Amino acid sequence: MNLKKNDSKAPRGTRLQPKNRFASTFYESEEIPQEEHERKTEFIEDKSASIITCNESPDIGYEASVNPYRGCEHGCIYCYARPTHEYLGFSCGLDFETKILVKKDAAKLLRKELSKPGYKPQILSMSGVTDPYQPIESKLKITRACLEVLAEFRHPVCIVTKNSLVLRDLDILKELARFDAVSVSISISTLDDKLKKILEPRTTPPSERLKVVQKLAAEKIPVNVLVSPVIPAITDHEMPAILKAASEMGAGGAYYSVIRLPHGVAVLFEEWLAKWFPERKEKVLARIKSLHGGKIYDSRFFKRLTGEGIWADQIRRLFCVSCRKFKIPERQVELNLSAFRQPGLDRQMELF
């Protein structure tokens, strides 16, 4: 596998550093100087004492998540997870892409939590916040170590990624698939490589992601395509082509979500539009607001992911018609909880 395709030398997603909404002081600057913009990524050890984060959002298809990393070098300008960096004292802008927290003990912590007496298996997502296969994973292999633990426990996990590095772990994915304990969703927002380079600069190219779908399907790994985010007047017209290509590559299901711009992400995205699509900026923002009740962002459950109103209805109809036309199910794979085991406790019980 050619890891250079992850484009780790590509430009950053943004040069801006929006104000941390929790900070009492802020150095005012329109944008980061060019030399600062090109700074190397800093990897910071995360000393978290636990690894499983419970999900309280009823519109997300999993109950808990495992996040080996916080922050993401992929640099997707629209990433809804950017504001989570503000809890760490950073900005959701360039900091999110260049200050990556690394949970080196993630697999050890995961084993400890799964081994607790009385632990009940639940659907785990990797990753609920940032991509578990961002570029540094090729070196650190933290996601792989976590998957090894999950395979040992036969614990169900769903993976969402934009990176072809997921194919490195085919051996573990196949073992989990034996117990219907894994699904992989490949996120594709556009098939236009030029647009990808400015929208999500350090991700795997779209054509390579489709090959990942093909390979996973060939290996009998349940694989979905996530058309996300759908951006009105930028990527929405590509939905049929994405679903057609996904179907041809053997995807077992598809789902989508519309763009959402919480807190400082709206600032970043507006600057991005002004730079790359100035003639469309007001049109795009107006349609995004129409999806979210007249606001740039609406956090209401069951509304934030699909939107509401005329444009949301149009996107939904386009998705449904395309799925029917290209014979790709509107679904996510159901995972099996019954195969879960606790190897250590199981061996102890055999002594009685």
Protein backbone atom coordinates (compact mmCIF):
# COMPACT_ATOMS: atom_id res chain seq x y z
CA MET A 1 0.00 0.00 0.00
CA ASN A 2 1.32 3.40 -0.96
CA LEU A 3 0.90 5.51 2.17
CA LYS A 4 2.07 8.58 0.26
CA LYS A 5 -1.43 8.71 -1.18
CA ASN A 6 -2.62 10.05 2.17
CA ASP A 7 -1.04 13.34 1.06
CA SER A 8 0.59 14.13 4.43
CA LYS A 9 2.64 16.88 2.76
CA ALA A 10 -0.45 18.66 1.45
CA PRO A 11 -1.36 22.17 2.59
CA ARG A 12 -3.35 22.54 5.78
CA GLY A 13 -7.10 22.83 5.77
CA THR A 14 -7.00 26.33 7.26
CA ARG A 15 -4.65 29.09 8.38
CA LEU A 16 -7.16 30.55 10.81
CA GLN A 17 -7.27 30.21 14.59
CA PRO A 18 -10.81 31.10 15.75
CA LYS A 19 -11.16 32.21 19.36
CA ASN A 20 -11.57 29.38 21.84
CA ARG A 21 -15.06 29.95 23.20
CA PHE A 22 -13.91 28.96 26.69
CA ALA A 23 -10.85 31.23 26.76
CA SER A 24 -10.92 34.47 28.76
CA THR A 25 -8.12 36.04 26.70
CA PHE A 26 -7.32 35.81 23.03
CA TYR A 27 -4.58 37.12 20.75
CA GLU A 28 -6.40 38.79 17.85
CA SER A 29 -5.01 37.90 14.44
CA GLU A 30 -6.73 37.48 11.09
CA GLU A 31 -4.70 34.45 10.14
CA ILE A 32 -1.57 32.50 10.99
CA PRO A 33 1.61 33.72 9.26
CA GLN A 34 2.75 31.51 6.38
CA GLU A 35 5.73 30.08 8.28
CA GLU A 36 3.45 29.15 11.18
CA HIS A 37 0.92 27.71 8.74
CA GLU A 38 3.57 25.27 7.53
CA ARG A 39 4.53 24.14 11.03
CA LYS A 40 5.02 20.44 11.64
CA THR A 41 2.39 18.42 13.41
CA GLU A 42 2.94 18.10 17.13
CA PHE A 43 1.97 14.82 18.79
CA ILE A 44 1.09 15.12 22.48
CA GLU A 45 0.65 12.15 24.79
CA ASP A 46 -2.88 11.89 26.17
CA LYS A 47 -2.91 10.55 29.74
CA SER A 48 -6.64 9.71 29.82
CA ALA A 49 -7.52 7.10 32.44
CA SER A 50 -10.33 5.58 30.37
CA ILE A 51 -10.92 4.92 26.69
CA ILE A 52 -14.63 4.21 26.19
CA THR A 53 -16.83 7.30 25.89
CA CYS A 54 -20.58 6.76 26.23
CA ASN A 55 -22.85 8.32 23.64
CA GLU A 56 -25.92 10.18 24.86
CA SER A 57 -27.09 11.33 21.42
CA PRO A 58 -30.17 9.35 20.29
CA ASP A 59 -29.62 10.07 16.59
CA ILE A 60 -26.22 8.36 16.38
CA GLY A 61 -26.14 4.67 15.50
CA TYR A 62 -23.81 3.54 18.26
CA GLU A 63 -23.79 3.52 22.05
CA ALA A 64 -20.16 4.32 22.83
CA SER A 65 -16.91 5.22 21.10
CA VAL A 66 -13.18 4.64 21.27
CA ASN A 67 -11.01 7.55 20.13
CA PRO A 68 -7.29 6.72 19.84
CA TYR A 69 -6.58 10.30 18.76
CA ARG A 70 -7.93 13.79 19.48
CA GLY A 71 -7.47 16.28 16.71
CA CYS A 72 -6.98 15.16 13.11
CA GLU A 73 -4.29 15.85 10.57
CA HIS A 74 -6.66 15.21 7.67
CA GLY A 75 -7.63 18.88 7.91
CA CYS A 76 -11.22 18.63 6.61
CA ILE A 77 -12.45 22.22 6.66
CA TYR A 78 -16.02 21.22 7.55
CA CYS A 79 -15.21 18.80 10.39
CA TYR A 80 -17.88 19.04 13.11
CA ALA A 81 -15.37 17.66 15.63
CA ARG A 82 -13.08 20.68 15.45
CA PRO A 83 -14.70 22.44 18.47
CA THR A 84 -13.81 19.46 20.70
CA HIS A 85 -10.24 20.79 20.65
CA GLU A 86 -11.44 23.82 22.58
CA TYR A 87 -11.99 21.63 25.64
CA LEU A 88 -8.22 21.06 25.60
CA GLY A 89 -7.41 24.79 25.51
CA PHE A 90 -6.69 24.85 21.77
CA SER A 91 -8.35 26.48 18.78
CA CYS A 92 -10.62 24.58 16.43
CA GLY A 93 -8.60 25.98 13.52
CA LEU A 94 -4.99 25.17 12.72
CA ASP A 95 -4.46 23.76 16.24
CA PHE A 96 -6.95 20.96 15.47
CA GLU A 97 -4.81 19.84 12.54
CA THR A 98 -1.37 20.28 14.09
CA LYS A 99 -1.73 19.45 17.78
CA ILE A 100 -2.78 15.79 17.87
CA LEU A 101 -3.32 14.09 21.21
CA VAL A 102 -2.24 10.46 21.14
CA LYS A 103 -3.57 7.79 23.49
CA LYS A 104 -0.62 5.41 23.54
CA ASP A 105 -2.23 3.25 26.25
CA ALA A 106 -5.56 2.97 24.43
CA ALA A 107 -5.40 -0.80 23.87
CA LYS A 108 -4.35 -1.45 27.47
CA LEU A 109 -7.20 0.72 28.78
CA LEU A 110 -9.65 -0.95 26.43
CA ARG A 111 -8.67 -4.42 27.61
CA LYS A 112 -9.08 -3.31 31.22
CA GLU A 113 -12.59 -1.95 30.62
CA LEU A 114 -13.79 -4.94 28.60
CA SER A 115 -12.48 -7.31 31.27
CA LYS A 116 -14.46 -5.80 34.14
CA PRO A 117 -16.90 -8.24 35.76
CA GLY A 118 -20.40 -7.43 34.63
CA TYR A 119 -19.32 -5.52 31.52
CA LYS A 120 -22.13 -5.56 28.95
CA PRO A 121 -21.14 -5.43 25.26
CA GLN A 122 -22.40 -2.47 23.27
CA ILE A 123 -21.79 -1.14 19.77
CA LEU A 124 -18.48 0.72 19.82
CA SER A 125 -17.57 3.28 17.19
CA MET A 126 -14.02 3.95 16.06
CA SER A 127 -13.93 6.84 16.02
CA GLY A 128 -16.74 8.97 17.36
CA VAL A 129 -14.72 12.17 17.01
CA THR A 130 -11.68 11.97 14.72
CA ASP A 131 -10.48 9.50 12.10
CA PRO A 132 -8.82 6.42 13.66
CA TYR A 133 -6.76 6.00 10.48
CA GLN A 134 -5.29 9.48 10.17
CA PRO A 135 -1.67 9.53 8.87
CA ILE A 136 0.18 8.99 12.18
CA GLU A 137 -1.63 5.67 12.66
CA SER A 138 0.63 4.13 10.00
CA LYS A 139 3.50 4.57 12.47
CA LEU A 140 1.91 4.27 15.93
CA LYS A 141 -0.59 1.46 15.18
CA ILE A 142 -2.80 2.39 18.15
CA THR A 143 -6.02 1.73 16.24
CA ARG A 144 -4.69 -1.67 15.18
CA ALA A 145 -3.82 -2.54 18.78
CA CYS A 146 -7.36 -1.64 19.86
CA LEU A 147 -8.84 -3.78 17.09
CA GLU A 148 -6.69 -6.71 18.24
CA VAL A 149 -8.26 -6.41 21.68
CA LEU A 150 -11.75 -6.17 20.23
CA ALA A 151 -11.15 -9.27 18.10
CA GLU A 152 -9.94 -11.21 21.13
CA PHE A 153 -13.15 -10.28 22.98
CA ARG A 154 -15.30 -10.65 19.84
CA HIS A 155 -16.63 -7.20 20.60
CA PRO A 156 -18.72 -5.43 17.92
CA VAL A 157 -17.23 -2.28 16.41
CA CYS A 158 -18.16 0.08 13.59
CA ILE A 159 -15.40 2.03 11.88
CA VAL A 160 -15.71 5.27 9.90
CA THR A 161 -12.71 6.48 7.91
CA LYS A 162 -11.51 8.45 4.88
CA ASN A 163 -8.18 6.66 4.77
CA SER A 164 -7.10 3.61 2.77
CA LEU A 165 -4.86 2.62 5.69
CA VAL A 166 -7.81 0.60 7.00
CA LEU A 167 -6.80 -2.13 4.52
CA ARG A 168 -3.66 -2.74 6.57
CA ASP A 169 -5.87 -4.35 9.21
CA LEU A 170 -7.74 -6.75 6.94
CA ASP A 171 -6.59 -9.74 8.99
CA ILE A 172 -8.27 -8.41 12.14
CA LEU A 173 -11.35 -7.21 10.29
CA LYS A 174 -11.85 -10.66 8.80
CA GLU A 175 -11.61 -12.25 12.24
CA LEU A 176 -14.24 -9.85 13.61
CA ALA A 177 -16.43 -10.44 10.56
CA ARG A 178 -16.54 -14.16 11.40
CA PHE A 179 -18.73 -13.19 14.36
CA ASP A 180 -20.67 -10.40 12.61
CA ALA A 181 -18.84 -8.00 14.88
CA VAL A 182 -17.57 -5.35 12.48
CA SER A 183 -18.71 -2.90 9.83
CA VAL A 184 -16.65 -0.32 8.00
CA SER A 185 -18.03 2.90 6.55
CA ILE A 186 -15.96 4.71 3.97
CA SER A 187 -16.79 8.41 3.98
CA ILE A 188 -16.91 10.04 0.55
CA SER A 189 -18.02 13.63 0.10
CA THR A 190 -16.86 14.16 -3.49
CA LEU A 191 -15.39 12.27 -6.43
CA ASP A 192 -13.61 15.41 -7.65
CA ASP A 193 -9.96 15.10 -6.67
CA LYS A 194 -9.33 18.83 -7.17
CA LEU A 195 -12.15 19.67 -4.77
CA LYS A 196 -10.96 17.02 -2.32
CA LYS A 197 -7.54 18.68 -2.16
CA ILE A 198 -8.98 21.92 -0.81
CA LEU A 199 -11.94 20.46 1.10
CA GLU A 200 -10.18 17.60 2.95
CA PRO A 201 -6.52 18.02 1.99
CA ARG A 202 -4.71 15.15 3.72
CA THR A 203 -7.21 12.38 3.14
CA THR A 204 -6.96 9.49 0.71
CA PRO A 205 -8.15 10.42 -2.82
CA PRO A 206 -11.75 9.45 -3.67
CA SER A 207 -10.73 6.89 -6.29
CA GLU A 208 -8.60 5.10 -3.70
CA ARG A 209 -11.46 5.10 -1.20
CA LEU A 210 -13.66 3.37 -3.75
CA LYS A 211 -10.97 0.74 -4.18
CA VAL A 212 -11.07 0.26 -0.41
CA VAL A 213 -14.81 -0.42 -0.68
CA GLN A 214 -14.13 -2.94 -3.44
CA LYS A 215 -11.42 -4.72 -1.46
CA LEU A 216 -13.44 -4.91 1.76
CA ALA A 217 -16.48 -6.23 -0.10
CA ALA A 218 -14.32 -8.85 -1.84
CA GLU A 219 -13.02 -9.99 1.55
CA LYS A 220 -16.59 -10.26 2.91
CA ILE A 221 -16.12 -7.35 5.31
CA PRO A 222 -19.46 -5.52 5.72
CA VAL A 223 -18.86 -2.12 4.13
CA ASN A 224 -21.05 0.96 3.77
CA VAL A 225 -20.50 4.24 2.00
CA LEU A 226 -21.21 7.39 3.99
CA VAL A 227 -21.97 10.32 1.68
CA SER A 228 -20.89 13.06 4.04
CA PRO A 229 -21.06 15.91 4.35
CA VAL A 230 -23.55 16.88 1.68
CA ILE A 231 -22.81 20.56 0.98
CA PRO A 232 -25.52 22.45 -0.92
CA ALA A 233 -24.32 23.98 -4.20
CA ILE A 234 -20.86 22.42 -3.69
CA THR A 235 -21.18 18.61 -3.47
CA ASP A 236 -24.92 17.79 -3.39
CA HIS A 237 -25.08 17.15 -7.14
CA GLU A 238 -22.48 14.37 -6.78
CA MET A 239 -24.64 12.10 -4.65
CA PRO A 240 -25.93 9.92 -7.56
CA ALA A 241 -22.41 9.45 -8.96
CA ILE A 242 -21.01 8.53 -5.53
CA LEU A 243 -23.76 5.99 -4.91
CA LYS A 244 -23.40 4.54 -8.41
CA ALA A 245 -19.65 4.08 -7.93
CA ALA A 246 -20.16 2.62 -4.45
CA SER A 247 -22.70 0.13 -5.76
CA GLU A 248 -20.35 -0.94 -8.55
CA MET A 249 -17.63 -1.55 -5.98
CA GLY A 250 -19.89 -3.78 -3.88
CA ALA A 251 -20.93 -1.55 -0.99
CA GLY A 252 -23.54 -3.27 1.16
CA GLY A 253 -25.29 -0.10 2.28
CA ALA A 254 -25.29 3.68 2.20
CA TYR A 255 -26.29 6.60 4.36
CA TYR A 256 -25.63 10.34 4.36
CA SER A 257 -25.48 13.46 6.49
CA VAL A 258 -25.65 17.14 5.62
CA ILE A 259 -23.00 19.66 6.56
CA ARG A 260 -23.12 21.02 10.10
CA LEU A 261 -21.01 23.94 11.28
CA PRO A 262 -20.94 24.23 15.09
CA HIS A 263 -19.21 27.14 16.81
CA GLY A 264 -15.89 28.13 15.20
CA VAL A 265 -16.30 25.74 12.26
CA ALA A 266 -18.72 28.24 10.72
CA VAL A 267 -15.97 30.88 10.75
CA LEU A 268 -13.54 28.51 9.06
CA PHE A 269 -16.02 27.39 6.43
CA GLU A 270 -17.10 30.94 5.56
CA GLU A 271 -13.45 31.93 5.05
CA TRP A 272 -12.96 28.80 2.91
CA LEU A 273 -15.92 29.74 0.73
CA ALA A 274 -14.64 33.30 0.35
CA LYS A 275 -11.28 31.97 -0.81
CA TRP A 276 -12.34 29.17 -3.15
CA PHE A 277 -15.96 29.91 -4.15
CA PRO A 278 -16.50 33.66 -3.63
CA GLU A 279 -19.19 33.84 -6.32
CA ARG A 280 -21.17 31.08 -4.57
CA LYS A 281 -20.55 32.00 -0.95
CA GLU A 282 -23.87 33.67 -0.16
CA LYS A 283 -25.85 31.04 -2.04
CA VAL A 284 -24.15 28.17 -0.18
CA LEU A 285 -24.58 29.81 3.22
CA ALA A 286 -28.23 30.62 2.52
CA ARG A 287 -28.96 27.00 1.66
CA ILE A 288 -27.10 25.71 4.70
CA LYS A 289 -29.18 28.03 6.87
CA SER A 290 -32.34 26.80 5.18
CA LEU A 291 -31.38 23.25 6.21
CA HIS A 292 -31.06 24.32 9.85
CA GLY A 293 -34.12 26.43 10.55
CA GLY A 294 -32.58 29.69 9.36
CA LYS A 295 -29.44 29.29 11.47
CA ILE A 296 -25.94 28.37 10.40
CA TYR A 297 -26.16 25.42 12.80
CA ASP A 298 -29.02 23.63 14.52
CA SER A 299 -28.01 21.17 17.25
CA ARG A 300 -31.41 19.49 17.60
CA PHE A 301 -31.28 15.70 17.52
CA PHE A 302 -32.73 14.10 14.37
CA LYS A 303 -32.52 17.48 12.60
CA ARG A 304 -28.79 18.24 12.67
CA LEU A 305 -27.74 15.28 10.49
CA THR A 306 -30.39 15.49 7.76
CA GLY A 307 -31.70 19.04 8.07
CA GLU A 308 -35.27 20.10 7.40
CA GLY A 309 -37.17 22.13 4.84
CA ILE A 310 -37.27 22.18 1.05
CA TRP A 311 -33.56 21.60 0.43
CA ALA A 312 -33.41 18.81 3.02
CA ASP A 313 -36.37 17.13 1.32
CA GLN A 314 -34.68 17.47 -2.05
CA ILE A 315 -31.45 15.89 -0.76
CA ARG A 316 -33.41 13.06 0.85
CA ARG A 317 -35.36 12.34 -2.35
CA LEU A 318 -32.17 12.39 -4.41
CA PHE A 319 -30.59 9.92 -2.01
CA CYS A 320 -33.58 7.55 -2.02
CA VAL A 321 -34.00 7.62 -5.80
CA SER A 322 -30.27 7.04 -6.34
CA CYS A 323 -30.20 4.12 -3.90
CA ARG A 324 -33.11 2.48 -5.71
CA LYS A 325 -31.64 3.15 -9.13
CA PHE A 326 -28.23 1.72 -8.28
CA LYS A 327 -29.58 -1.06 -6.05
CA ILE A 328 -27.74 -0.08 -2.91
CA PRO A 329 -29.63 -0.52 0.40
CA GLU A 330 -30.36 2.50 2.59
CA ARG A 331 -28.94 0.98 5.74
CA GLN A 332 -26.08 0.35 8.07
CA VAL A 333 -25.01 -3.20 8.91
CA GLU A 334 -26.45 -4.73 12.08
CA LEU A 335 -23.77 -6.06 14.43
CA ASN A 336 -23.91 -9.08 16.71
CA LEU A 337 -23.52 -8.73 20.48
CA SER A 338 -24.00 -12.38 21.41
CA ALA A 339 -20.49 -13.57 20.45
CA PHE A 340 -18.83 -11.36 23.06
CA ARG A 341 -16.58 -13.12 25.55
CA GLN A 342 -14.16 -12.15 28.31
CA PRO A 343 -11.17 -14.47 27.73
CA GLY A 344 -9.66 -14.04 31.20
CA LEU A 345 -12.91 -14.63 33.07
CA ASP A 346 -13.87 -17.48 30.76
CA ARG A 347 -10.65 -19.31 31.62
CA GLN A 348 -11.28 -18.77 35.32
CA MET A 349 -14.78 -20.23 35.03
CA GLU A 350 -13.35 -23.34 33.39
CA LEU A 351 -11.55 -24.10 36.67
CA PHE A 352 -14.85 -24.64 38.49
